Amino acid sequence: MLIVRSPVRISFGGGGTDLPAYYEQFGGAVLSVAINKYFYTILGTRNDGRIQVISSDLRVFETWGDIANMALQGRELEIPLAVLKEVGCNISVDLFLASEIPPGTGLGSSASVCVNILKTLTNYLHRPLSKYDLAEQAFHIARDILGKHIGKQDEYAAAFGGLNYISFHPDGSAQVEPLDLGIVALGELQSKLMLFFAGSAHHSWTILREQENSTRAHSTSTIDALHRVKALAAQMRQALERGQLRGFGELLDEGWQAKRRISSKISTPRIDQLYALARHHGAIGGKITGAGGGGFLLLYCEKDRQAAVREALLTEGVQEMAFGFDMQGAQVIVNDPFIDGDERGGSRWIFLPASSAAAASRK
């Protein structure tokens, strides 16, 4: 039996500049952190030559034989099927998929799914990928094979974990630079961030497609807004590295105002109302996670004002989600051949102490 987990992420700044339409012209940059809400894949062996995939989140399952000749379009389980086709493996296994986060939340769950299943299969086949290769191949599957209008940041966050400044170069390469703030400063930052679920995002693909079209058409307003959010991501990084946490919170607000100028679909009257309410009760800055249109409302708020913000949003029926930072990224958490007698499993056991996470994320 093999169990792999991968985190979702919070994007602080630079979102949208990780889309090919932008970074291929100007280079992109994103500041993000992975959080301890995970997607899981449990792989077990079977002996009938078929592959069965069960998704607890979608409440569907399918059993397949000749995967190579199957179409992807219109399937609820298109991501695991696309990964299986891409890996090109001749195996007979059960894949049980489960997530702590539903889709449409703006936390990069679809990328976490793809990264997770890809890591599961490549480790099972004893063909492990580096973190960079894991992120790039997952992006290739989502973008080129499934035809999704996505950027690269989510795959890199899921693969690497941690708090990172990620640069995307015109040639398609990327560079992950972990921010080494120290345990105390990292804990202080985490304690001042709050997440409230504002409702599922139903138009994220539409928003991203519209943004890409505007960028390729050299729309001045879109490109100027994207230049601004990229510059703010760099400023946020500097603020964190200098220990200027309040300044970081203020930059979050500037980034949100710039992001809203990219597309009229990024915010909604409801999101604007909730954000204004949170600011009125003490939040310094914030944004909607993901492409927009819904998802989690991320807020930066000093500890002495958090109770007031929490109570105000609760009166609007908006629930808070507690979270912590994840510093490890996608990882194998169980690899035990004894459970199902599978000779492919159990090739190695890795236990990574939290103190080693920062060093491991650089590999």
Foldseek 3Di string as FASTA:
>chain_A
DWKKKWFFKFWLFFPLCLFLLRQLVPWTKTWMATWPWIKMKDKDADDPQKEKEAEPQVRDIDIDHPLLPDDQPPDPPSLLSLLCNVVVDRGGIYIYIYTRDHPQQQRLVVLRVNLQSNQRVCLLVVNHDQLQVSLVVSCCSVCVVVPFLDGRPRNSCQSQGATWIKIAHSVGGIDTDHQCLDPVLQVVLLLQKWKWFFDGADCQRVLSVVLSVCSNVVPVQQNVLSVVRRVLSVVLSVCSNVSNNLVNQLSSAVRQVSLCSNDVQQEDPSRVVLQVQLVVQFFNHWHRRHSHNTHMIMTGGPPVRVVVSQVSVVVVVIDIDRIHTTLAHMDIPDFDCVVRVDPSTDPDDDDDDPVCSNVNSND
